[in-house]
Amino acid sequence: MAAHKSPMFVLCITTFAFMVCFVVWMMFGVVGIALRKELGLNGAEFGLLTATPVLTGALLRLPLGMWTDRFGGRIVMTALLVACAIPVYLVSYATALWQFLLLGLFLGVVGASFAVGTPYVARLFPPERRGFAMGFFGAGTVGAAVNLFVTPALQSALGWRAVPKIYAIALLATALVFWFGSVKDPGVKKSTVSLAMQLSIIKDPRIWRYCQYYSICFGGFTALSLWIPQYMMAEFGYSIVLASALAAGFSLPGSVLRAVGGGMADRYGAHKITWWGLWVAWVCLFTLSYPDTTFTINTINGPLSFHIHLPAPVFTILLFILGSVFAFGMASTFKYVADDFPEQMGIVTGIVGLAGGLGGFLLPVMFGAVLEFSGIRSSTFMLLYGIVWVSLILLYQSNVRRVRMDGQLNNE
């Protein structure tokens, strides 16, 4: 029965499952705004609340990637969807911050679904099409944008406590759809290789470079998807529904364009897409970092005042561009992985995904801490600007000095 299912059909089903997982994973980015008022949280506590699910989603990417190599993506993904429905449902009954943090750790496992689906879909396609396949699957991060539309609507209509219950049911329904729409993983092989031998691949310096790239692109994408709704509410005085809708201007391209980025990496090479994407991100973040400023210059004709402020339309356009280049960077990183580690995609995807997820966890906490320390709202983008700047220097030292802009190695 499974034989007639085309790879493209299975790719679409798997991408849908990942999208649902991502909606649930990003849930606290919207629900947390109501919780912030209800629990009286400060900036750092709000950052911790929204980032807690990201932590377990990051840490479990490595073991789930290894289990995918061993048991197959179909079994692991289905089990993950069913198991995570329980903590998601229980969130609706939590009343204290520690309870939300604890349940957030458990529901965060849905974020590790990326390390399951990426090697699974890649093995369904030939090598020359794997960049597209992984980019298409990665477009399931559109769940971040779906969350920004659906969650506020559900919250406004039914109250925030109804949202986790609805999402728990959605996870169970998705598990059924995925199981009957997927096929047996063609890459599953019985192996006697020990865990230590599997993990020895970490010694390869290429993996650390890929972790560096992905922690910037995916970590920054995840962190900003969580942070931007409340940022726009505070900066522009928008309602939660309007702020979430405009924030989708970042999350939507950062998701949908991953398939485009994967195709571009197939055609032009992973290096060129990563390098130039980070430069565009650097320019966007420099502009977004400038705070709302009023200053006065004493001229020969008297005081002259200036006011510098980034209007909402320009802010939204810059976010759109930033989300787009982050999408290209996420896709190109896994093109590197597919090219260099075709037989070990599960474990390498888990390691690289772990780095990206840790970035997504740490950055919202850092955003809150820097905001509390500086009192400057745009310090969020100042922090990311500095990280991208350092990363460009490291990328230049490790790759550009040895790789021409056409992606070929220098002979020097």
Protein backbone atom coordinates (compact mmCIF):
# COMPACT_ATOMS: atom_id res chain seq x y z
CA MET A 1 0.00 0.00 0.00
CA ALA A 2 2.87 2.37 0.83
CA ALA A 3 4.57 1.68 -2.49
CA HIS A 4 2.37 4.10 -4.44
CA LYS A 5 3.19 7.04 -2.15
CA SER A 6 5.56 9.35 -3.99
CA PRO A 7 8.51 10.97 -2.18
CA MET A 8 6.91 14.38 -2.77
CA PHE A 9 3.67 13.27 -1.10
CA VAL A 10 5.54 11.94 1.93
CA LEU A 11 7.59 15.15 2.04
CA CYS A 12 4.38 17.21 2.20
CA ILE A 13 2.91 15.04 4.97
CA THR A 14 6.13 15.22 7.00
CA THR A 15 6.36 18.97 6.52
CA PHE A 16 2.78 19.35 7.76
CA ALA A 17 3.62 17.34 10.90
CA PHE A 18 6.65 19.52 11.52
CA MET A 19 4.56 22.67 11.04
CA VAL A 20 2.09 21.54 13.71
CA CYS A 21 5.00 20.79 16.05
CA PHE A 22 6.41 24.25 15.46
CA VAL A 23 3.08 25.93 16.22
CA VAL A 24 3.02 24.18 19.59
CA TRP A 25 6.71 24.89 20.20
CA MET A 26 6.19 28.65 19.68
CA MET A 27 2.92 28.78 21.67
CA PHE A 28 4.38 30.58 24.69
CA GLY A 29 5.50 33.45 22.46
CA VAL A 30 1.83 34.55 22.34
CA VAL A 31 0.26 32.89 25.38
CA GLY A 32 3.19 34.14 27.45
CA ILE A 33 2.09 37.75 26.92
CA ALA A 34 -1.12 37.07 28.88
CA LEU A 35 0.87 35.08 31.44
CA ARG A 36 3.29 37.96 31.87
CA LYS A 37 0.46 40.17 33.11
CA GLU A 38 -1.22 37.41 35.09
CA LEU A 39 1.97 36.35 36.90
CA GLY A 40 3.64 39.79 37.02
CA LEU A 41 6.79 38.67 35.20
CA ASN A 42 9.74 40.95 34.45
CA GLY A 43 11.65 40.93 31.16
CA ALA A 44 14.11 38.21 32.18
CA GLU A 45 11.36 35.94 33.53
CA PHE A 46 9.31 36.41 30.37
CA GLY A 47 12.35 35.54 28.28
CA LEU A 48 12.88 32.38 30.37
CA LEU A 49 9.23 31.38 30.02
CA THR A 50 9.21 31.69 26.25
CA ALA A 51 12.61 30.04 25.86
CA THR A 52 12.15 27.02 28.14
CA PRO A 53 10.45 24.84 25.49
CA VAL A 54 13.27 25.71 23.12
CA LEU A 55 15.82 24.23 25.55
CA THR A 56 14.48 20.66 25.51
CA GLY A 57 13.73 20.98 21.81
CA ALA A 58 17.43 21.66 21.39
CA LEU A 59 18.88 19.11 23.81
CA LEU A 60 16.80 16.22 22.47
CA ARG A 61 17.67 16.80 18.83
CA LEU A 62 20.83 14.76 19.15
CA PRO A 63 19.31 11.59 20.69
CA LEU A 64 16.25 11.80 18.43
CA GLY A 65 18.49 12.17 15.40
CA MET A 66 20.39 9.04 16.47
CA TRP A 67 17.13 7.13 17.06
CA THR A 68 15.95 8.19 13.62
CA ASP A 69 19.04 6.59 12.09
CA ARG A 70 18.32 3.45 14.08
CA PHE A 71 14.53 3.07 14.14
CA GLY A 72 13.40 5.25 11.23
CA GLY A 73 11.70 8.63 10.98
CA ARG A 74 8.19 7.23 10.69
CA ILE A 75 8.23 5.49 14.08
CA VAL A 76 10.10 8.22 15.96
CA MET A 77 7.97 11.09 14.62
CA THR A 78 4.69 9.34 15.42
CA ALA A 79 5.81 8.49 18.96
CA LEU A 80 6.94 12.07 19.52
CA LEU A 81 3.61 13.56 18.42
CA VAL A 82 1.60 11.26 20.70
CA ALA A 83 3.85 11.65 23.75
CA CYS A 84 3.96 15.45 23.61
CA ALA A 85 0.17 15.82 23.58
CA ILE A 86 0.09 15.07 27.34
CA PRO A 87 2.24 17.95 28.68
CA VAL A 88 0.68 20.34 26.17
CA TYR A 89 -2.79 19.51 27.52
CA LEU A 90 -1.62 19.97 31.14
CA VAL A 91 -0.41 23.51 30.47
CA SER A 92 -4.04 24.67 30.64
CA TYR A 93 -4.14 23.70 34.33
CA ALA A 94 -0.86 25.36 35.44
CA THR A 95 -1.06 28.33 37.81
CA ALA A 96 2.51 29.16 38.92
CA LEU A 97 5.65 30.09 36.99
CA TRP A 98 7.53 26.94 38.03
CA GLN A 99 4.67 24.80 36.71
CA PHE A 100 4.78 26.54 33.33
CA LEU A 101 8.55 26.15 33.20
CA LEU A 102 8.37 22.44 34.05
CA LEU A 103 5.65 21.70 31.52
CA GLY A 104 7.46 23.88 29.01
CA LEU A 105 10.44 21.55 29.29
CA PHE A 106 8.29 18.55 28.41
CA LEU A 107 6.26 20.13 25.61
CA GLY A 108 9.50 21.46 24.17
CA VAL A 109 10.24 17.97 22.87
CA VAL A 110 8.11 18.82 19.81
CA GLY A 111 10.92 21.15 18.75
CA ALA A 112 13.21 18.15 18.34
CA SER A 113 10.99 16.89 15.52
CA PHE A 114 13.29 18.75 13.14
CA ALA A 115 16.10 16.26 13.80
CA VAL A 116 13.67 13.43 12.97
CA GLY A 117 12.16 14.79 9.78
CA THR A 118 15.28 16.23 8.14
CA PRO A 119 17.22 12.95 7.68
CA TYR A 120 13.97 11.09 7.00
CA VAL A 121 12.94 13.23 4.01
CA ALA A 122 16.52 13.56 2.74
CA ARG A 123 16.81 9.79 2.37
CA LEU A 124 13.72 9.73 0.18
CA PHE A 125 15.43 11.83 -2.52
CA PRO A 126 18.61 11.50 -4.64
CA PRO A 127 21.67 13.56 -3.52
CA GLU A 128 21.15 16.28 -6.12
CA ARG A 129 17.63 16.94 -4.76
CA ARG A 130 18.34 16.73 -1.04
CA GLY A 131 18.94 20.45 -0.58
CA PHE A 132 15.46 21.13 -1.93
CA ALA A 133 13.89 18.30 0.13
CA MET A 134 15.43 19.49 3.39
CA GLY A 135 14.61 23.11 2.59
CA PHE A 136 11.00 22.20 1.78
CA PHE A 137 10.71 20.27 5.06
CA GLY A 138 12.33 23.14 6.93
CA ALA A 139 9.56 25.38 5.61
CA GLY A 140 7.48 23.72 8.32
CA THR A 141 8.88 26.47 10.53
CA VAL A 142 6.00 28.44 8.97
CA GLY A 143 4.34 27.16 12.14
CA ALA A 144 5.92 30.18 13.83
CA ALA A 145 3.82 32.43 11.58
CA VAL A 146 0.73 30.22 11.91
CA ASN A 147 1.12 30.52 15.68
CA LEU A 148 1.08 34.32 15.37
CA PHE A 149 -2.27 34.20 13.57
CA VAL A 150 -4.07 31.24 15.15
CA THR A 151 -3.05 31.49 18.80
CA PRO A 152 -4.16 35.13 19.32
CA ALA A 153 -7.48 34.36 17.62
CA LEU A 154 -8.11 31.30 19.80
CA GLN A 155 -6.99 33.20 22.89
CA SER A 156 -9.30 36.13 22.17
CA ALA A 157 -12.28 33.88 21.46
CA LEU A 158 -11.87 31.17 24.11
CA GLY A 159 -9.28 32.39 26.62
CA TRP A 160 -5.64 31.30 26.78
CA ARG A 161 -6.38 28.11 28.78
CA ALA A 162 -8.30 26.65 25.85
CA VAL A 163 -5.31 26.97 23.53
CA PRO A 164 -3.16 24.13 24.98
CA LYS A 165 -6.14 21.74 24.97
CA ILE A 166 -6.85 22.44 21.30
CA TYR A 167 -3.18 22.00 20.40
CA ALA A 168 -2.98 18.70 22.28
CA ILE A 169 -5.84 17.34 20.19
CA ALA A 170 -4.13 18.69 17.07
CA LEU A 171 -0.96 16.74 17.91
CA LEU A 172 -2.89 13.47 18.23
CA ALA A 173 -4.74 14.08 14.95
CA THR A 174 -1.45 14.90 13.24
CA ALA A 175 0.08 11.65 14.51
CA LEU A 176 -2.66 9.71 12.73
CA VAL A 177 -2.29 11.69 9.51
CA PHE A 178 1.48 11.27 9.52
CA TRP A 179 1.43 7.52 10.25
CA PHE A 180 -0.94 6.72 7.40
CA GLY A 181 0.63 9.23 5.01
CA SER A 182 4.28 8.26 5.52
CA VAL A 183 6.39 5.29 4.43
CA LYS A 184 9.07 3.16 6.01
CA ASP A 185 12.38 5.00 6.34
CA PRO A 186 14.67 3.71 3.56
CA GLY A 187 17.80 4.62 5.51
CA VAL A 188 17.26 2.43 8.56
CA LYS A 189 20.10 -0.02 9.02
CA LYS A 190 20.89 -2.36 11.84
CA SER A 191 24.17 -1.27 13.34
CA THR A 192 26.47 -2.57 16.04
CA VAL A 193 28.34 0.74 16.26
CA SER A 194 28.60 1.92 19.88
CA LEU A 195 27.32 5.26 21.09
CA ALA A 196 30.88 6.45 21.71
CA MET A 197 31.83 5.66 18.12
CA GLN A 198 28.77 7.46 16.81
CA LEU A 199 29.57 10.54 18.86
CA SER A 200 33.20 10.52 17.77
CA ILE A 201 32.06 12.37 14.66
CA ILE A 202 31.93 15.51 16.82
CA LYS A 203 35.71 15.72 16.42
CA ASP A 204 35.25 16.70 12.77
CA PRO A 205 35.85 20.50 12.62
CA ARG A 206 33.32 20.88 9.80
CA ILE A 207 30.51 20.04 12.21
CA TRP A 208 31.53 22.87 14.54
CA ARG A 209 31.41 25.32 11.65
CA TYR A 210 27.92 24.13 10.73
CA CYS A 211 26.86 24.52 14.36
CA GLN A 212 28.14 28.08 14.22
CA TYR A 213 26.13 28.93 11.10
CA TYR A 214 22.94 27.29 12.33
CA SER A 215 23.05 28.81 15.80
CA ILE A 216 22.99 32.22 14.11
CA CYS A 217 20.28 31.56 11.53
CA PHE A 218 17.91 29.19 13.33
CA GLY A 219 18.68 30.49 16.82
CA GLY A 220 18.06 34.07 15.71
CA PHE A 221 14.91 33.09 13.82
CA THR A 222 13.43 31.18 16.77
CA ALA A 223 14.34 33.81 19.35
CA LEU A 224 12.91 36.70 17.35
CA SER A 225 9.74 34.75 16.50
CA LEU A 226 9.14 34.51 20.25
CA TRP A 227 10.22 38.05 21.08
CA ILE A 228 8.86 40.30 18.32
CA PRO A 229 5.10 40.26 19.21
CA GLN A 230 5.63 41.76 22.65
CA TYR A 231 8.36 44.04 21.23
CA MET A 232 5.93 45.56 18.71
CA MET A 233 3.21 45.92 21.34
CA ALA A 234 5.57 47.93 23.54
CA GLU A 235 7.33 49.88 20.75
CA PHE A 236 4.33 50.83 18.61
CA GLY A 237 1.39 50.40 21.02
CA TYR A 238 -0.29 47.69 18.95
CA SER A 239 -2.82 45.14 20.18
CA ILE A 240 -1.65 41.56 20.54
CA VAL A 241 -3.56 40.52 17.41
CA LEU A 242 -2.08 43.29 15.24
CA ALA A 243 1.43 42.87 16.68
CA SER A 244 1.32 39.13 16.06
CA ALA A 245 0.06 39.62 12.50
CA LEU A 246 2.85 42.08 11.68
CA ALA A 247 5.43 39.87 13.38
CA ALA A 248 4.48 37.23 10.84
CA GLY A 249 6.28 39.48 8.35
CA PHE A 250 9.42 38.01 9.88
CA SER A 251 8.31 34.46 10.63
CA LEU A 252 6.52 33.74 7.34
CA PRO A 253 9.40 34.37 4.91
CA GLY A 254 11.79 32.81 7.41
CA SER A 255 9.79 29.63 6.96
CA VAL A 256 8.45 29.49 3.41
CA LEU A 257 11.69 30.57 1.75
CA ARG A 258 13.70 27.69 3.20
CA ALA A 259 12.68 25.61 0.19
CA VAL A 260 13.96 28.39 -2.08
CA GLY A 261 17.17 28.57 -0.07
CA GLY A 262 17.62 24.82 -0.37
CA GLY A 263 17.19 24.99 -4.14
CA MET A 264 19.67 27.87 -4.35
CA ALA A 265 22.18 25.91 -2.27
CA ASP A 266 21.78 22.96 -4.67
CA ARG A 267 22.53 25.24 -7.60
CA TYR A 268 25.10 27.74 -6.31
CA GLY A 269 26.64 25.91 -3.36
CA ALA A 270 26.05 26.16 0.38
CA HIS A 271 28.99 28.48 0.99
CA LYS A 272 27.85 31.38 -1.21
CA ILE A 273 24.31 31.35 0.20
CA THR A 274 25.54 31.31 3.81
CA TRP A 275 28.19 34.00 3.35
CA TRP A 276 26.10 36.59 1.50
CA GLY A 277 23.02 35.90 3.62
CA LEU A 278 24.91 36.80 6.78
CA TRP A 279 26.07 40.07 5.24
CA VAL A 280 22.50 41.08 4.44
CA ALA A 281 21.48 40.14 8.00
CA TRP A 282 24.32 42.32 9.32
CA VAL A 283 23.00 45.37 7.43
CA CYS A 284 19.40 44.79 8.59
CA LEU A 285 20.41 44.35 12.23
CA PHE A 286 22.57 47.48 12.15
CA THR A 287 19.52 49.52 11.09
CA LEU A 288 17.14 47.83 13.54
CA SER A 289 19.58 48.42 16.40
CA TYR A 290 19.34 52.21 16.33
CA PRO A 291 17.13 53.29 19.26
CA ASP A 292 14.43 55.95 19.24
CA THR A 293 16.64 59.01 19.70
CA THR A 294 16.16 62.76 20.19
CA PHE A 295 19.20 65.00 20.32
CA THR A 296 19.97 68.71 20.11
CA ILE A 297 22.86 70.44 18.35
CA ASN A 298 23.88 73.98 19.36
CA THR A 299 24.35 75.81 16.06
CA ILE A 300 25.29 79.46 15.40
CA ASN A 301 21.59 80.09 14.87
CA GLY A 302 20.54 78.43 18.09
CA PRO A 303 19.57 74.90 19.18
CA LEU A 304 18.62 72.46 16.41
CA SER A 305 16.78 69.29 17.44
CA PHE A 306 16.61 65.97 15.60
CA HIS A 307 14.44 62.95 16.21
CA ILE A 308 15.41 59.56 14.79
CA HIS A 309 12.78 56.88 14.88
CA LEU A 310 12.27 53.72 12.82
CA PRO A 311 8.63 53.77 11.63
CA ALA A 312 6.58 50.60 11.78
CA PRO A 313 6.45 50.01 7.97
CA VAL A 314 10.26 50.23 7.66
CA PHE A 315 10.65 48.04 10.75
CA THR A 316 8.37 45.39 9.22
CA ILE A 317 10.17 45.47 5.86
CA LEU A 318 13.56 45.01 7.52
CA LEU A 319 12.15 42.08 9.50
CA PHE A 320 10.91 40.55 6.26
CA ILE A 321 14.37 40.78 4.70
CA LEU A 322 16.02 39.46 7.87
CA GLY A 323 13.64 36.50 8.01
CA SER A 324 14.34 35.72 4.36
CA VAL A 325 18.12 35.58 4.70
CA PHE A 326 17.85 33.56 7.91
CA ALA A 327 15.75 31.09 5.91
CA PHE A 328 18.43 30.83 3.23
CA GLY A 329 21.08 30.32 5.91
CA MET A 330 19.12 27.55 7.62
CA ALA A 331 18.65 25.71 4.33
CA SER A 332 22.26 26.13 3.15
CA THR A 333 23.60 24.78 6.44
CA PHE A 334 21.89 21.44 5.93
CA LYS A 335 23.03 21.33 2.34
CA TYR A 336 26.52 21.26 3.84
CA VAL A 337 25.43 18.34 6.05
CA ALA A 338 23.85 16.34 3.23
CA ASP A 339 26.92 16.79 1.02
CA ASP A 340 29.52 15.95 3.64
CA PHE A 341 27.76 13.34 5.83
CA PRO A 342 25.23 11.46 3.66
CA GLU A 343 25.49 8.26 5.74
CA GLN A 344 25.30 9.97 9.12
CA MET A 345 22.67 12.63 8.54
CA GLY A 346 20.65 11.68 11.61
CA ILE A 347 23.37 12.24 14.18
CA VAL A 348 24.92 15.23 12.40
CA THR A 349 21.50 16.84 11.99
CA GLY A 350 20.95 16.26 15.70
CA ILE A 351 24.25 17.90 16.64
CA VAL A 352 23.77 20.91 14.36
CA GLY A 353 20.10 21.21 15.34
CA LEU A 354 21.15 21.11 19.00
CA ALA A 355 23.40 24.12 18.44
CA GLY A 356 20.62 26.04 16.70
CA GLY A 357 18.11 25.16 19.38
CA LEU A 358 20.45 26.25 22.15
CA GLY A 359 20.81 29.57 20.35
CA GLY A 360 17.02 29.83 20.26
CA PHE A 361 16.88 29.13 24.00
CA LEU A 362 19.67 31.43 25.17
CA LEU A 363 18.86 34.45 23.03
CA PRO A 364 15.38 35.28 24.49
CA VAL A 365 16.86 35.03 27.99
CA MET A 366 19.69 37.31 26.91
CA PHE A 367 17.22 39.69 25.26
CA GLY A 368 15.37 40.05 28.56
CA ALA A 369 18.55 40.47 30.60
CA VAL A 370 20.03 43.08 28.25
CA LEU A 371 16.72 44.98 28.19
CA GLU A 372 16.56 45.04 32.00
CA PHE A 373 20.19 46.21 32.18
CA SER A 374 20.14 48.86 29.44
CA GLY A 375 16.52 49.97 29.36
CA ILE A 376 16.85 50.25 25.56
CA ARG A 377 14.28 48.18 23.68
CA SER A 378 16.37 47.88 20.50
CA SER A 379 19.18 46.29 22.53
CA THR A 380 17.64 43.03 21.23
CA PHE A 381 18.94 43.82 17.76
CA MET A 382 22.19 45.29 19.08
CA LEU A 383 22.97 41.93 20.63
CA LEU A 384 22.20 40.02 17.42
CA TYR A 385 24.20 42.52 15.38
CA GLY A 386 27.27 41.86 17.50
CA ILE A 387 26.84 38.09 17.23
CA VAL A 388 26.48 38.20 13.44
CA TRP A 389 29.52 40.49 13.19
CA VAL A 390 31.69 38.06 15.15
CA SER A 391 30.30 35.15 13.15
CA LEU A 392 31.17 36.82 9.84
CA ILE A 393 34.75 37.22 11.02
CA LEU A 394 34.92 33.54 12.02
CA LEU A 395 33.34 32.47 8.73
CA TYR A 396 35.88 34.54 6.82
CA GLN A 397 38.77 32.98 8.70
CA SER A 398 37.52 29.41 8.32
CA ASN A 399 36.04 29.46 4.81
CA VAL A 400 36.41 32.59 2.74
CA ARG A 401 40.19 32.76 2.90
CA ARG A 402 40.28 29.23 1.51
CA VAL A 403 37.19 29.33 -0.71
CA ARG A 404 36.63 31.58 -3.73
CA MET A 405 33.30 33.30 -4.19
CA ASP A 406 32.38 30.66 -6.78
CA GLY A 407 32.55 28.06 -4.00
CA GLN A 408 35.79 26.38 -5.23
CA LEU A 409 38.83 25.83 -3.02
CA ASN A 410 41.81 28.13 -3.46
CA ASN A 411 45.08 26.45 -4.34
CA GLU A 412 47.06 28.72 -2.08
